[in-house]
Each structure stands twice: as structure tokens, then as C-alpha cells.
Amino acid sequence: MNSYRLTNMEEPTDEMLSQLMKEVAEEAKCKSEEAHRKFFTELRTAARMQRREIAHK
């Protein structure tokens, strides 16, 4: 879908809009899943560090 730019003077076809929306939705889903994984990985790491600190006291 790289051939169409929303800055073009011509209106996109329904098929083009559908494809654009599908691609954007897929990209958003991937980014959301990656952010979710990263958040919980960092949360688990922080929890381990806190447990270690408590164990050493």
C-alpha cells in the first residue's frame, strides 16, 4: 500500500482505504503487544530486584 499517499489530490478507493485501515490496525496490534510484553518484563524484573533487596535486609 506504499504507492498511495493521503496527500494525493485524488480520493482513495474504498478498497485502498480498507487496505490502509487493515495495515494500520495490524501495525497498532503489533506495537500494542510488544508494549504489553515489555511492560510485564520490566515489571517482573523490578519485582525480582525488590525481593532481592528485601532478602538482603
PDB file of N, CA and C in Angstrom:
ATOM      1  N   MET A   1       0.827  -1.195   0.000  1.00  0.00           N
ATOM      2  CA  MET A   1       0.000   0.000   0.000  1.00  0.00           C
ATOM      3  C   MET A   1       0.867   1.252   0.000  1.00  0.00           C
ATOM      4  N   ASN A   2       2.161   1.107  -0.189  1.00  0.00           N
ATOM      5  CA  ASN A   2       3.075   2.242  -0.171  1.00  0.00           C
ATOM      6  C   ASN A   2       2.893   3.171  -1.355  1.00  0.00           C
ATOM      7  N   SER A   3       2.156   2.745  -2.376  1.00  0.00           N
ATOM      8  CA  SER A   3       2.021   3.569  -3.576  1.00  0.00           C
ATOM      9  C   SER A   3       1.040   4.716  -3.395  1.00  0.00           C
ATOM     10  N   TYR A   4       0.180   4.641  -2.396  1.00  0.00           N
ATOM     11  CA  TYR A   4      -0.799   5.714  -2.199  1.00  0.00           C
ATOM     12  C   TYR A   4      -0.408   6.555  -0.999  1.00  0.00           C
ATOM     13  N   ARG A   5      -0.479   7.832  -1.165  1.00  0.00           N
ATOM     14  CA  ARG A   5      -0.212   8.768  -0.071  1.00  0.00           C
ATOM     15  C   ARG A   5      -1.473   9.585   0.152  1.00  0.00           C
ATOM     16  N   LEU A   6      -1.824   9.788   1.404  1.00  0.00           N
ATOM     17  CA  LEU A   6      -3.040  10.541   1.718  1.00  0.00           C
ATOM     18  C   LEU A   6      -2.946  12.002   1.296  1.00  0.00           C
ATOM     19  N   THR A   7      -1.769  12.454   0.923  1.00  0.00           N
ATOM     20  CA  THR A   7      -1.613  13.829   0.467  1.00  0.00           C
ATOM     21  C   THR A   7      -1.933  13.992  -1.020  1.00  0.00           C
ATOM     22  N   ASN A   8      -2.185  12.867  -1.695  1.00  0.00           N
ATOM     23  CA  ASN A   8      -2.553  12.948  -3.107  1.00  0.00           C
ATOM     24  C   ASN A   8      -3.827  13.775  -3.271  1.00  0.00           C
ATOM     25  N   MET A   9      -3.998  14.348  -4.411  1.00  0.00           N
ATOM     26  CA  MET A   9      -5.186  15.146  -4.685  1.00  0.00           C
ATOM     27  C   MET A   9      -6.393  14.269  -5.011  1.00  0.00           C
ATOM     28  N   GLU A  10      -6.155  13.033  -5.382  1.00  0.00           N
ATOM     29  CA  GLU A  10      -7.256  12.137  -5.721  1.00  0.00           C
ATOM     30  C   GLU A  10      -7.715  11.367  -4.483  1.00  0.00           C
ATOM     31  N   GLU A  11      -8.969  11.069  -4.450  1.00  0.00           N
ATOM     32  CA  GLU A  11      -9.544  10.318  -3.343  1.00  0.00           C
ATOM     33  C   GLU A  11      -9.174   8.841  -3.462  1.00  0.00           C
ATOM     34  N   PRO A  12      -8.868   8.184  -2.338  1.00  0.00           N
ATOM     35  CA  PRO A  12      -8.578   6.752  -2.409  1.00  0.00           C
ATOM     36  C   PRO A  12      -9.869   5.961  -2.659  1.00  0.00           C
ATOM     37  N   THR A  13      -9.720   4.826  -3.260  1.00  0.00           N
ATOM     38  CA  THR A  13     -10.885   3.969  -3.482  1.00  0.00           C
ATOM     39  C   THR A  13     -11.256   3.312  -2.154  1.00  0.00           C
ATOM     40  N   ASP A  14     -12.443   2.740  -2.101  1.00  0.00           N
ATOM     41  CA  ASP A  14     -12.869   2.025  -0.896  1.00  0.00           C
ATOM     42  C   ASP A  14     -11.919   0.870  -0.592  1.00  0.00           C
ATOM     43  N   GLU A  15     -11.462   0.206  -1.643  1.00  0.00           N
ATOM     44  CA  GLU A  15     -10.531  -0.898  -1.460  1.00  0.00           C
ATOM     45  C   GLU A  15      -9.207  -0.412  -0.877  1.00  0.00           C
ATOM     46  N   MET A  16      -8.733   0.727  -1.373  1.00  0.00           N
ATOM     47  CA  MET A  16      -7.487   1.293  -0.863  1.00  0.00           C
ATOM     48  C   MET A  16      -7.638   1.678   0.605  1.00  0.00           C
ATOM     49  N   LEU A  17      -8.757   2.320   0.935  1.00  0.00           N
ATOM     50  CA  LEU A  17      -8.986   2.709   2.324  1.00  0.00           C
ATOM     51  C   LEU A  17      -9.073   1.478   3.213  1.00  0.00           C
ATOM     52  N   SER A  18      -9.740   0.471   2.746  1.00  0.00           N
ATOM     53  CA  SER A  18      -9.863  -0.768   3.512  1.00  0.00           C
ATOM     54  C   SER A  18      -8.495  -1.385   3.767  1.00  0.00           C
ATOM     55  N   GLN A  19      -7.667  -1.423   2.743  1.00  0.00           N
ATOM     56  CA  GLN A  19      -6.323  -1.983   2.884  1.00  0.00           C
ATOM     57  C   GLN A  19      -5.482  -1.135   3.837  1.00  0.00           C
ATOM     58  N   LEU A  20      -5.565   0.185   3.711  1.00  0.00           N
ATOM     59  CA  LEU A  20      -4.828   1.071   4.617  1.00  0.00           C
ATOM     60  C   LEU A  20      -5.241   0.835   6.062  1.00  0.00           C
ATOM     61  N   MET A  21      -6.542   0.764   6.292  1.00  0.00           N
ATOM     62  CA  MET A  21      -7.047   0.563   7.654  1.00  0.00           C
ATOM     63  C   MET A  21      -6.599  -0.787   8.195  1.00  0.00           C
ATOM     64  N   LYS A  22      -6.592  -1.807   7.364  1.00  0.00           N
ATOM     65  CA  LYS A  22      -6.155  -3.131   7.791  1.00  0.00           C
ATOM     66  C   LYS A  22      -4.685  -3.101   8.194  1.00  0.00           C
ATOM     67  N   GLU A  23      -3.857  -2.467   7.372  1.00  0.00           N
ATOM     68  CA  GLU A  23      -2.435  -2.388   7.667  1.00  0.00           C
ATOM     69  C   GLU A  23      -2.164  -1.589   8.937  1.00  0.00           C
ATOM     70  N   VAL A  24      -2.874  -0.497   9.106  1.00  0.00           N
ATOM     71  CA  VAL A  24      -2.700   0.319  10.314  1.00  0.00           C
ATOM     72  C   VAL A  24      -3.131  -0.466  11.548  1.00  0.00           C
ATOM     73  N   ALA A  25      -4.241  -1.184  11.448  1.00  0.00           N
ATOM     74  CA  ALA A  25      -4.725  -1.986  12.576  1.00  0.00           C
ATOM     75  C   ALA A  25      -3.716  -3.077  12.938  1.00  0.00           C
ATOM     76  N   GLU A  26      -3.144  -3.732  11.938  1.00  0.00           N
ATOM     77  CA  GLU A  26      -2.144  -4.772  12.201  1.00  0.00           C
ATOM     78  C   GLU A  26      -0.909  -4.191  12.876  1.00  0.00           C
ATOM     79  N   GLU A  27      -0.456  -3.053  12.396  1.00  0.00           N
ATOM     80  CA  GLU A  27       0.717  -2.414  12.988  1.00  0.00           C
ATOM     81  C   GLU A  27       0.429  -1.982  14.425  1.00  0.00           C
ATOM     82  N   ALA A  28      -0.751  -1.415  14.653  1.00  0.00           N
ATOM     83  CA  ALA A  28      -1.123  -0.991  16.005  1.00  0.00           C
ATOM     84  C   ALA A  28      -1.190  -2.193  16.946  1.00  0.00           C
ATOM     85  N   LYS A  29      -1.726  -3.294  16.472  1.00  0.00           N
ATOM     86  CA  LYS A  29      -1.817  -4.501  17.295  1.00  0.00           C
ATOM     87  C   LYS A  29      -0.424  -5.008  17.654  1.00  0.00           C
ATOM     88  N   CYS A  30       0.471  -5.045  16.684  1.00  0.00           N
ATOM     89  CA  CYS A  30       1.841  -5.496  16.950  1.00  0.00           C
ATOM     90  C   CYS A  30       2.535  -4.598  17.962  1.00  0.00           C
ATOM     91  N   LYS A  31       2.388  -3.303  17.797  1.00  0.00           N
ATOM     92  CA  LYS A  31       3.018  -2.363  18.730  1.00  0.00           C
ATOM     93  C   LYS A  31       2.424  -2.499  20.126  1.00  0.00           C
ATOM     94  N   SER A  32       1.125  -2.696  20.199  1.00  0.00           N
ATOM     95  CA  SER A  32       0.467  -2.867  21.492  1.00  0.00           C
ATOM     96  C   SER A  32       0.945  -4.139  22.183  1.00  0.00           C
ATOM     97  N   GLU A  33       1.038  -5.230  21.437  1.00  0.00           N
ATOM     98  CA  GLU A  33       1.513  -6.483  22.018  1.00  0.00           C
ATOM     99  C   GLU A  33       2.951  -6.359  22.493  1.00  0.00           C
ATOM    100  N   GLU A  34       3.787  -5.693  21.728  1.00  0.00           N
ATOM    101  CA  GLU A  34       5.183  -5.502  22.124  1.00  0.00           C
ATOM    102  C   GLU A  34       5.272  -4.639  23.385  1.00  0.00           C
ATOM    103  N   ALA A  35       4.490  -3.576  23.453  1.00  0.00           N
ATOM    104  CA  ALA A  35       4.480  -2.721  24.644  1.00  0.00           C
ATOM    105  C   ALA A  35       4.006  -3.513  25.862  1.00  0.00           C
ATOM    106  N   HIS A  36       3.015  -4.353  25.673  1.00  0.00           N
ATOM    107  CA  HIS A  36       2.491  -5.184  26.753  1.00  0.00           C
ATOM    108  C   HIS A  36       3.577  -6.138  27.261  1.00  0.00           C
ATOM    109  N   ARG A  37       4.265  -6.806  26.346  1.00  0.00           N
ATOM    110  CA  ARG A  37       5.350  -7.717  26.729  1.00  0.00           C
ATOM    111  C   ARG A  37       6.463  -6.968  27.472  1.00  0.00           C
ATOM    112  N   LYS A  38       6.839  -5.821  26.928  1.00  0.00           N
ATOM    113  CA  LYS A  38       7.915  -5.038  27.541  1.00  0.00           C
ATOM    114  C   LYS A  38       7.524  -4.582  28.943  1.00  0.00           C
ATOM    115  N   PHE A  39       6.297  -4.113  29.107  1.00  0.00           N
ATOM    116  CA  PHE A  39       5.828  -3.647  30.404  1.00  0.00           C
ATOM    117  C   PHE A  39       5.920  -4.762  31.442  1.00  0.00           C
ATOM    118  N   PHE A  40       5.400  -5.949  31.108  1.00  0.00           N
ATOM    119  CA  PHE A  40       5.396  -7.030  32.082  1.00  0.00           C
ATOM    120  C   PHE A  40       6.786  -7.610  32.314  1.00  0.00           C
ATOM    121  N   THR A  41       7.646  -7.563  31.323  1.00  0.00           N
ATOM    122  CA  THR A  41       9.037  -7.982  31.530  1.00  0.00           C
ATOM    123  C   THR A  41       9.710  -7.038  32.524  1.00  0.00           C
ATOM    124  N   GLU A  42       9.525  -5.743  32.335  1.00  0.00           N
ATOM    125  CA  GLU A  42      10.113  -4.765  33.249  1.00  0.00           C
ATOM    126  C   GLU A  42       9.498  -4.876  34.644  1.00  0.00           C
ATOM    127  N   LEU A  43       8.203  -5.152  34.706  1.00  0.00           N
ATOM    128  CA  LEU A  43       7.538  -5.312  35.995  1.00  0.00           C
ATOM    129  C   LEU A  43       8.102  -6.519  36.745  1.00  0.00           C
ATOM    130  N   ARG A  44       8.285  -7.648  36.050  1.00  0.00           N
ATOM    131  CA  ARG A  44       8.855  -8.843  36.677  1.00  0.00           C
ATOM    132  C   ARG A  44      10.290  -8.574  37.150  1.00  0.00           C
ATOM    133  N   THR A  45      11.071  -7.867  36.338  1.00  0.00           N
ATOM    134  CA  THR A  45      12.442  -7.531  36.721  1.00  0.00           C
ATOM    135  C   THR A  45      12.457  -6.665  37.967  1.00  0.00           C
ATOM    136  N   ALA A  46      11.603  -5.664  38.021  1.00  0.00           N
ATOM    137  CA  ALA A  46      11.534  -4.788  39.190  1.00  0.00           C
ATOM    138  C   ALA A  46      11.096  -5.567  40.433  1.00  0.00           C
ATOM    139  N   ALA A  47      10.169  -6.486  40.274  1.00  0.00           N
ATOM    140  CA  ALA A  47       9.710  -7.295  41.410  1.00  0.00           C
ATOM    141  C   ALA A  47      10.842  -8.179  41.926  1.00  0.00           C
ATOM    142  N   ARG A  48      11.615  -8.783  41.021  1.00  0.00           N
ATOM    143  CA  ARG A  48      12.759  -9.604  41.443  1.00  0.00           C
ATOM    144  C   ARG A  48      13.780  -8.770  42.214  1.00  0.00           C
ATOM    145  N   MET A  49      14.041  -7.565  41.714  1.00  0.00           N
ATOM    146  CA  MET A  49      15.003  -6.690  42.376  1.00  0.00           C
ATOM    147  C   MET A  49      14.507  -6.312  43.775  1.00  0.00           C
ATOM    148  N   GLN A  50      13.229  -6.028  43.893  1.00  0.00           N
ATOM    149  CA  GLN A  50      12.666  -5.684  45.201  1.00  0.00           C
ATOM    150  C   GLN A  50      12.772  -6.868  46.164  1.00  0.00           C
ATOM    151  N   ARG A  51      12.486  -8.069  45.671  1.00  0.00           N
ATOM    152  CA  ARG A  51      12.588  -9.252  46.525  1.00  0.00           C
ATOM    153  C   ARG A  51      14.026  -9.462  46.990  1.00  0.00           C
ATOM    154  N   ARG A  52      14.993  -9.242  46.103  1.00  0.00           N
ATOM    155  CA  ARG A  52      16.410  -9.372  46.482  1.00  0.00           C
ATOM    156  C   ARG A  52      16.792  -8.360  47.551  1.00  0.00           C
ATOM    157  N   GLU A  53      16.342  -7.123  47.372  1.00  0.00           N
ATOM    158  CA  GLU A  53      16.647  -6.074  48.355  1.00  0.00           C
ATOM    159  C   GLU A  53      16.070  -6.437  49.710  1.00  0.00           C
ATOM    160  N   ILE A  54      14.846  -6.923  49.726  1.00  0.00           N
ATOM    161  CA  ILE A  54      14.197  -7.297  50.978  1.00  0.00           C
ATOM    162  C   ILE A  54      14.916  -8.481  51.614  1.00  0.00           C
ATOM    163  N   ALA A  55      15.351  -9.441  50.815  1.00  0.00           N
ATOM    164  CA  ALA A  55      16.036 -10.626  51.327  1.00  0.00           C
ATOM    165  C   ALA A  55      17.390 -10.268  51.945  1.00  0.00           C
ATOM    166  N   HIS A  56      18.047  -9.232  51.443  1.00  0.00           N
ATOM    167  CA  HIS A  56      19.360  -8.842  51.963  1.00  0.00           C
ATOM    168  C   HIS A  56      19.265  -7.995  53.224  1.00  0.00           C
ATOM    169  N   LYS A  57      18.100  -7.534  53.565  1.00  0.00           N
ATOM    170  CA  LYS A  57      17.940  -6.691  54.768  1.00  0.00           C
ATOM    171  C   LYS A  57      17.765  -7.504  56.003  1.00  0.00           C
TER     172      LYS A  57
END
